[in-house]
Amino acid sequence: MVWSDFWGYWNWLYKHASARAYYYQVLTEEESVQIEMFEVSNCQLLGCPGCRYHAMKYIIDHKPKFTTGKEYWKYEFDFHNAVNQTKQNPSMVLTMEEAEESFKNRMMDRGVGIDEMEKTFLFQDFWNVLLFACTYFTITPDAPKEMEQDILKRFLFSACYTLPFNRYICNDNRMARYHLIDFLQTNMNVSTQEKAMITVTNMYNVLALEFNQPIRTYAENKAIFDLHANDGKNYPLFVRAQEVHAEDQLKLIALQKELHGKLHEKKNNDTINTVTNDTYWQNVSIALSIVLGFVLLLNLLYLVKMVWKFKWKFNKHIENHTNVNGSSSV
């Protein structure tokens, strides 16, 4: 479990806080769609390969579709318990009451009530989730693939709806999420790893003044992130995770090539089989035509024979009748 020491903690705290922010709400269609998008893209960007596999399997088996915040809250609770069961960590499998109490205590330690998620803008853990995604979404930092960029774009855009303070009402009476959306629609750039992290830094700055905080430069924001992620304890894990990610990508590429080769071979075999089958059925059709023609010929010969036989008998009958009449007249 590569990221359990720090990334897993950030991610689960983010997800539980996000769900709690909606706890008393009936979700709009827009919110429901974006929350689902976040759940999917978040799983696609997990740092631990095993975690990524199990998380994707979980959301396939348990669709993250919600109509209320309480459904969302319970989903994250069940999801977290399922992960701890997979890790064979029974002490961390909690009841709903235990989970709520644990979350409440974590929030109180930071001076925030369980239902005061709009006050969590300063929680660096939440911003670290976004920054970490920017460091991990590609193994080619200077030239991410288009597919990799698309996943990160979906993740960042849906984060506008899942950052726990997204419902905070700003000075213009709009929710904080819409300020972030406005920014991303015109300024999102994830064409390199650094530009992606700059985008997240600017997302922070879009709302900083609303929360009476100074804006940050990219260098300042990265330094804060590095302090959390790349300290003496976490740095080896961070490096190893990047190595594992690169190894996974190479294995995936090899697997795709192997699969492509098999599909190509199957296609060729199918073509050969199709040609063979076509030839076979053409031969069968010819044989059946010959047999049918022969049967028709036999029937025709039989019909001619029957007509000839009938005609012979008829003529014989006429001849006999004539002879009988002739004899009678004498």
Protein backbone atom coordinates (compact mmCIF):
# COMPACT_ATOMS: atom_id res chain seq x y z
CA MET A 1 0.00 0.00 0.00
CA VAL A 2 2.17 2.81 -1.33
CA TRP A 3 0.21 5.86 -0.24
CA SER A 4 -1.45 4.83 3.01
CA ASP A 5 0.79 7.02 5.18
CA PHE A 6 -0.36 10.33 3.74
CA TRP A 7 -2.27 10.27 0.46
CA GLY A 8 -4.95 7.88 1.69
CA TYR A 9 -5.58 10.05 4.73
CA TRP A 10 -5.98 13.19 2.58
CA ASN A 11 -8.27 11.47 0.14
CA TRP A 12 -10.65 9.89 2.64
CA LEU A 13 -10.87 13.07 4.71
CA TYR A 14 -11.73 14.98 1.51
CA LYS A 15 -14.39 12.46 0.47
CA HIS A 16 -16.07 12.27 3.87
CA ALA A 17 -16.03 16.08 4.24
CA SER A 18 -17.44 16.50 0.74
CA ALA A 19 -20.32 14.15 1.50
CA ARG A 20 -20.95 15.87 4.83
CA ALA A 21 -21.23 19.24 3.08
CA TYR A 22 -24.28 17.87 1.23
CA TYR A 23 -25.69 15.94 4.20
CA TYR A 24 -28.93 17.91 4.52
CA GLN A 25 -29.36 18.62 0.81
CA VAL A 26 -31.46 17.15 -1.96
CA LEU A 27 -29.02 16.96 -4.85
CA THR A 28 -29.73 18.64 -8.15
CA GLU A 29 -29.14 16.67 -11.34
CA GLU A 30 -26.06 18.81 -11.96
CA GLU A 31 -24.62 18.01 -8.53
CA SER A 32 -25.38 14.31 -8.86
CA VAL A 33 -23.63 14.07 -12.24
CA GLN A 34 -20.55 15.97 -11.06
CA ILE A 35 -20.22 13.97 -7.85
CA GLU A 36 -20.36 10.76 -9.87
CA MET A 37 -17.71 12.16 -12.24
CA PHE A 38 -15.50 12.98 -9.27
CA GLU A 39 -15.83 9.49 -7.81
CA VAL A 40 -14.80 7.90 -11.12
CA SER A 41 -11.92 10.24 -11.95
CA ASN A 42 -10.68 10.15 -8.35
CA CYS A 43 -10.38 6.37 -8.56
CA GLN A 44 -8.58 6.64 -11.90
CA LEU A 45 -5.96 8.90 -10.31
CA LEU A 46 -5.23 6.86 -7.19
CA GLY A 47 -1.52 6.53 -6.53
CA CYS A 48 -1.55 2.92 -5.39
CA PRO A 49 -2.13 0.45 -8.28
CA GLY A 50 -3.88 -2.06 -6.02
CA CYS A 51 -6.08 0.68 -4.55
CA ARG A 52 -6.94 1.89 -8.05
CA TYR A 53 -8.01 -1.59 -9.14
CA HIS A 54 -10.17 -2.27 -6.08
CA ALA A 55 -11.67 1.23 -6.11
CA MET A 56 -12.66 0.98 -9.78
CA LYS A 57 -14.19 -2.43 -9.13
CA TYR A 58 -16.13 -1.03 -6.19
CA ILE A 59 -17.67 1.85 -8.13
CA ILE A 60 -18.55 -0.49 -10.99
CA ASP A 61 -20.38 -2.77 -8.56
CA HIS A 62 -21.79 0.16 -6.54
CA LYS A 63 -22.72 3.03 -8.83
CA PRO A 64 -22.07 6.42 -7.19
CA LYS A 65 -25.45 7.88 -8.10
CA PHE A 66 -27.22 9.86 -5.39
CA THR A 67 -30.34 11.94 -4.99
CA THR A 68 -29.65 13.14 -1.44
CA GLY A 69 -26.62 14.13 0.61
CA LYS A 70 -27.37 11.40 3.14
CA GLU A 71 -27.05 8.78 0.38
CA TYR A 72 -23.71 10.34 -0.57
CA TRP A 73 -22.54 10.32 3.08
CA LYS A 74 -23.51 6.65 3.54
CA TYR A 75 -21.84 5.68 0.25
CA GLU A 76 -18.47 7.06 1.38
CA PHE A 77 -18.89 5.33 4.73
CA ASP A 78 -19.63 1.98 3.06
CA PHE A 79 -16.83 2.51 0.52
CA HIS A 80 -14.27 3.20 3.28
CA ASN A 81 -15.37 0.14 5.24
CA ALA A 82 -15.09 -2.01 2.10
CA VAL A 83 -11.51 -0.81 1.61
CA ASN A 84 -10.58 -1.61 5.21
CA GLN A 85 -12.10 -5.07 4.84
CA THR A 86 -10.01 -5.61 1.69
CA LYS A 87 -6.92 -4.55 3.65
CA GLN A 88 -7.96 -7.07 6.34
CA ASN A 89 -7.99 -4.30 8.89
CA PRO A 90 -11.09 -5.17 10.96
CA SER A 91 -10.30 -2.62 13.68
CA MET A 92 -10.95 0.14 11.13
CA VAL A 93 -14.35 -1.23 10.02
CA LEU A 94 -16.74 1.13 11.80
CA THR A 95 -20.43 1.41 12.43
CA MET A 96 -22.14 4.52 11.09
CA GLU A 97 -22.19 6.01 14.60
CA GLU A 98 -18.48 5.32 15.14
CA ALA A 99 -17.58 6.77 11.74
CA GLU A 100 -19.57 9.94 12.40
CA GLU A 101 -17.98 10.36 15.82
CA SER A 102 -14.49 9.87 14.36
CA PHE A 103 -15.13 12.44 11.64
CA LYS A 104 -16.60 14.86 14.16
CA ASN A 105 -13.49 14.58 16.34
CA ARG A 106 -11.19 15.21 13.38
CA MET A 107 -13.09 18.35 12.51
CA MET A 108 -13.18 19.58 16.11
CA ASP A 109 -9.40 19.14 16.34
CA ARG A 110 -9.20 21.75 13.57
CA GLY A 111 -11.77 24.05 15.12
CA VAL A 112 -14.61 23.20 12.73
CA GLY A 113 -17.99 21.68 13.57
CA ILE A 114 -19.21 18.59 11.75
CA ASP A 115 -21.73 20.66 9.83
CA GLU A 116 -19.47 23.63 9.10
CA MET A 117 -17.73 22.38 5.96
CA GLU A 118 -17.91 25.84 4.37
CA LYS A 119 -15.15 26.83 6.82
CA THR A 120 -12.65 24.27 5.54
CA PHE A 121 -11.02 26.40 2.80
CA LEU A 122 -7.79 26.53 4.81
CA PHE A 123 -7.56 22.74 5.15
CA GLN A 124 -4.38 22.11 3.14
CA ASP A 125 -5.23 18.41 3.01
CA PHE A 126 -8.06 19.15 0.57
CA TRP A 127 -5.84 21.18 -1.75
CA ASN A 128 -3.19 18.47 -1.48
CA VAL A 129 -5.64 15.98 -3.01
CA LEU A 130 -5.86 18.20 -6.10
CA LEU A 131 -2.13 18.90 -6.19
CA PHE A 132 -1.27 15.27 -5.80
CA ALA A 133 -3.52 14.37 -8.74
CA CYS A 134 -1.48 16.84 -10.80
CA THR A 135 1.76 15.08 -9.89
CA TYR A 136 0.41 11.63 -10.65
CA PHE A 137 -1.87 11.91 -13.68
CA THR A 138 0.98 11.25 -16.14
CA ILE A 139 4.40 9.56 -16.30
CA THR A 140 5.55 12.09 -18.91
CA PRO A 141 5.36 15.39 -16.97
CA ASP A 142 6.33 17.58 -19.91
CA ALA A 143 4.04 15.91 -22.46
CA PRO A 144 0.97 14.20 -20.96
CA LYS A 145 -1.17 12.17 -23.33
CA GLU A 146 -4.53 13.59 -24.34
CA MET A 147 -6.35 10.82 -22.45
CA GLU A 148 -4.39 11.63 -19.29
CA GLN A 149 -5.22 15.31 -19.62
CA ASP A 150 -8.92 14.53 -20.11
CA ILE A 151 -9.06 12.50 -16.89
CA LEU A 152 -7.40 15.29 -14.90
CA LYS A 153 -9.69 17.91 -16.45
CA ARG A 154 -12.76 15.92 -15.41
CA PHE A 155 -11.29 15.51 -11.94
CA LEU A 156 -10.57 19.22 -11.44
CA PHE A 157 -13.89 20.34 -12.89
CA SER A 158 -15.88 17.92 -10.72
CA ALA A 159 -13.80 19.05 -7.73
CA CYS A 160 -15.61 22.38 -8.02
CA TYR A 161 -18.67 20.48 -6.75
CA THR A 162 -16.90 18.25 -4.22
CA LEU A 163 -14.46 20.55 -2.43
CA PRO A 164 -16.12 20.62 0.99
CA PHE A 165 -16.44 24.42 0.99
CA ASN A 166 -17.97 24.56 -2.54
CA ARG A 167 -21.34 25.67 -1.17
CA TYR A 168 -19.89 28.68 0.64
CA ILE A 169 -21.75 31.85 -0.35
CA CYS A 170 -19.33 34.48 -1.62
CA ASN A 171 -19.68 38.27 -1.52
CA ASP A 172 -21.55 38.30 -4.84
CA ASN A 173 -24.13 35.84 -3.39
CA ARG A 174 -22.89 33.00 -5.59
CA MET A 175 -21.56 29.68 -4.35
CA ALA A 176 -17.80 29.30 -4.33
CA ARG A 177 -18.09 26.47 -6.87
CA TYR A 178 -19.24 28.84 -9.60
CA HIS A 179 -16.20 31.08 -9.18
CA LEU A 180 -14.02 28.01 -9.67
CA ILE A 181 -16.04 26.85 -12.66
CA ASP A 182 -15.79 30.27 -14.32
CA PHE A 183 -12.04 30.17 -13.89
CA LEU A 184 -11.55 26.63 -15.20
CA GLN A 185 -13.74 27.16 -18.25
CA THR A 186 -11.31 29.76 -19.59
CA ASN A 187 -8.02 29.14 -17.80
CA MET A 188 -7.58 25.40 -17.18
CA ASN A 189 -4.23 24.21 -18.54
CA VAL A 190 -2.97 20.70 -17.84
CA SER A 191 -0.65 20.39 -20.85
CA THR A 192 2.26 19.76 -18.47
CA GLN A 193 2.52 18.65 -14.86
CA GLU A 194 3.73 22.08 -13.77
CA LYS A 195 0.93 23.91 -15.60
CA ALA A 196 -1.61 21.61 -13.98
CA MET A 197 -0.25 22.50 -10.54
CA ILE A 198 -0.31 26.19 -11.47
CA THR A 199 -3.99 25.74 -12.41
CA VAL A 200 -4.74 24.36 -8.94
CA THR A 201 -2.77 27.20 -7.35
CA ASN A 202 -4.91 29.68 -9.25
CA MET A 203 -8.07 27.87 -8.18
CA TYR A 204 -6.96 28.56 -4.62
CA ASN A 205 -6.29 32.21 -5.45
CA VAL A 206 -9.72 32.66 -7.05
CA LEU A 207 -11.28 32.14 -3.60
CA ALA A 208 -8.48 33.30 -1.28
CA LEU A 209 -9.75 36.85 -0.84
CA GLU A 210 -13.29 35.55 -0.20
CA PHE A 211 -11.85 33.76 2.84
CA ASN A 212 -9.59 36.69 3.82
CA GLN A 213 -6.44 34.86 2.83
CA PRO A 214 -3.45 36.15 0.82
CA ILE A 215 -2.93 34.75 -2.65
CA ARG A 216 -0.09 32.30 -3.23
CA THR A 217 2.50 32.00 -5.95
CA TYR A 218 3.01 28.63 -7.58
CA ALA A 219 6.37 28.30 -5.83
CA GLU A 220 4.77 28.96 -2.42
CA ASN A 221 1.98 26.47 -3.04
CA LYS A 222 4.35 23.79 -4.26
CA ALA A 223 6.60 24.33 -1.25
CA ILE A 224 3.63 23.80 1.08
CA PHE A 225 2.63 20.64 -0.81
CA ASP A 226 6.21 19.33 -0.76
CA LEU A 227 6.38 19.93 2.98
CA HIS A 228 3.43 17.57 3.43
CA ALA A 229 4.22 14.99 0.74
CA ASN A 230 7.96 14.94 0.32
CA ASP A 231 9.31 15.06 3.86
CA GLY A 232 11.83 12.51 5.10
CA LYS A 233 9.15 9.97 5.93
CA ASN A 234 7.07 10.20 2.77
CA TYR A 235 9.64 10.98 0.10
CA PRO A 236 10.81 7.36 -0.44
CA LEU A 237 7.19 6.31 -0.77
CA PHE A 238 6.56 9.14 -3.18
CA VAL A 239 9.49 8.13 -5.40
CA ARG A 240 8.59 4.44 -5.27
CA ALA A 241 5.00 5.22 -6.19
CA GLN A 242 6.17 7.08 -9.28
CA GLU A 243 8.35 4.10 -10.19
CA VAL A 244 5.44 1.69 -9.71
CA HIS A 245 3.23 3.93 -11.81
CA ALA A 246 5.83 3.94 -14.60
CA GLU A 247 6.19 0.16 -14.35
CA ASP A 248 2.42 -0.27 -14.49
CA GLN A 249 2.22 1.91 -17.57
CA LEU A 250 4.89 -0.16 -19.34
CA LYS A 251 3.08 -3.38 -18.39
CA LEU A 252 -0.19 -1.90 -19.59
CA ILE A 253 1.34 -0.88 -22.92
CA ALA A 254 2.82 -4.38 -23.35
CA LEU A 255 -0.54 -5.92 -22.47
CA GLN A 256 -2.33 -3.66 -24.95
CA LYS A 257 0.14 -4.64 -27.69
CA GLU A 258 -0.33 -8.32 -26.86
CA LEU A 259 -4.09 -7.93 -26.87
CA HIS A 260 -3.94 -5.98 -30.13
CA GLY A 261 -1.83 -8.79 -31.67
CA LYS A 262 -4.28 -11.43 -30.53
CA LEU A 263 -7.22 -9.45 -31.85
CA HIS A 264 -5.41 -8.96 -35.17
CA GLU A 265 -4.66 -12.69 -35.33
CA LYS A 266 -8.26 -13.51 -34.47
CA LYS A 267 -9.46 -11.13 -37.16
CA ASN A 268 -7.25 -12.84 -39.75
CA ASN A 269 -8.43 -16.26 -38.60
CA ASP A 270 -12.02 -15.10 -38.75
CA THR A 271 -11.42 -13.86 -42.29
CA ILE A 272 -9.89 -17.21 -43.29
CA ASN A 273 -12.72 -19.06 -41.57
CA THR A 274 -15.24 -16.84 -43.30
CA VAL A 275 -13.69 -17.58 -46.71
CA THR A 276 -13.50 -21.30 -45.88
CA ASN A 277 -17.08 -21.32 -44.66
CA ASP A 278 -18.25 -19.47 -47.74
CA THR A 279 -16.50 -22.00 -50.00
CA TYR A 280 -17.95 -24.86 -47.98
CA TRP A 281 -21.50 -23.57 -48.27
CA GLN A 282 -21.05 -22.83 -51.97
CA ASN A 283 -20.03 -26.47 -52.49
CA VAL A 284 -22.94 -27.66 -50.39
CA SER A 285 -25.32 -25.51 -52.44
CA ILE A 286 -23.97 -26.93 -55.70
CA ALA A 287 -24.27 -30.51 -54.41
CA LEU A 288 -27.83 -29.90 -53.23
CA SER A 289 -28.70 -28.36 -56.58
CA ILE A 290 -27.37 -31.42 -58.39
CA VAL A 291 -29.30 -33.77 -56.11
CA LEU A 292 -32.45 -31.70 -56.50
CA GLY A 293 -32.04 -31.66 -60.28
CA PHE A 294 -31.59 -35.43 -60.30
CA VAL A 295 -34.71 -35.91 -58.17
CA LEU A 296 -36.71 -33.65 -60.47
CA LEU A 297 -35.46 -35.62 -63.48
CA LEU A 298 -36.51 -38.90 -61.88
CA ASN A 299 -39.92 -37.45 -61.11
CA LEU A 300 -40.23 -36.24 -64.67
CA LEU A 301 -39.24 -39.67 -66.07
CA TYR A 302 -41.70 -41.31 -63.70
CA LEU A 303 -44.42 -38.91 -64.86
CA VAL A 304 -43.65 -39.66 -68.52
CA LYS A 305 -43.73 -43.37 -67.77
CA MET A 306 -47.09 -43.06 -66.01
CA VAL A 307 -48.53 -40.99 -68.86
CA TRP A 308 -47.27 -43.49 -71.45
CA LYS A 309 -48.61 -46.39 -69.40
CA PHE A 310 -51.97 -44.70 -68.99
CA LYS A 311 -52.13 -43.92 -72.70
CA TRP A 312 -51.21 -47.52 -73.60
CA LYS A 313 -53.92 -48.88 -71.32
CA PHE A 314 -56.43 -46.40 -72.70
CA ASN A 315 -55.63 -47.34 -76.30
CA LYS A 316 -55.81 -51.03 -75.41
CA HIS A 317 -59.20 -50.46 -73.83
CA ILE A 318 -60.47 -48.66 -76.97
CA GLU A 319 -59.10 -51.40 -79.19
CA ASN A 320 -60.80 -54.13 -77.17
CA HIS A 321 -64.05 -52.20 -77.09
CA THR A 322 -63.95 -51.80 -80.85
CA ASN A 323 -63.31 -55.48 -81.41
CA VAL A 324 -66.20 -56.41 -79.18
CA ASN A 325 -68.63 -54.12 -81.02
CA GLY A 326 -67.46 -55.45 -84.37
CA SER A 327 -68.09 -58.99 -83.40
CA SER A 328 -71.55 -58.21 -82.15
CA SER A 329 -72.65 -56.61 -85.39
CA VAL A 330 -71.74 -59.74 -87.43
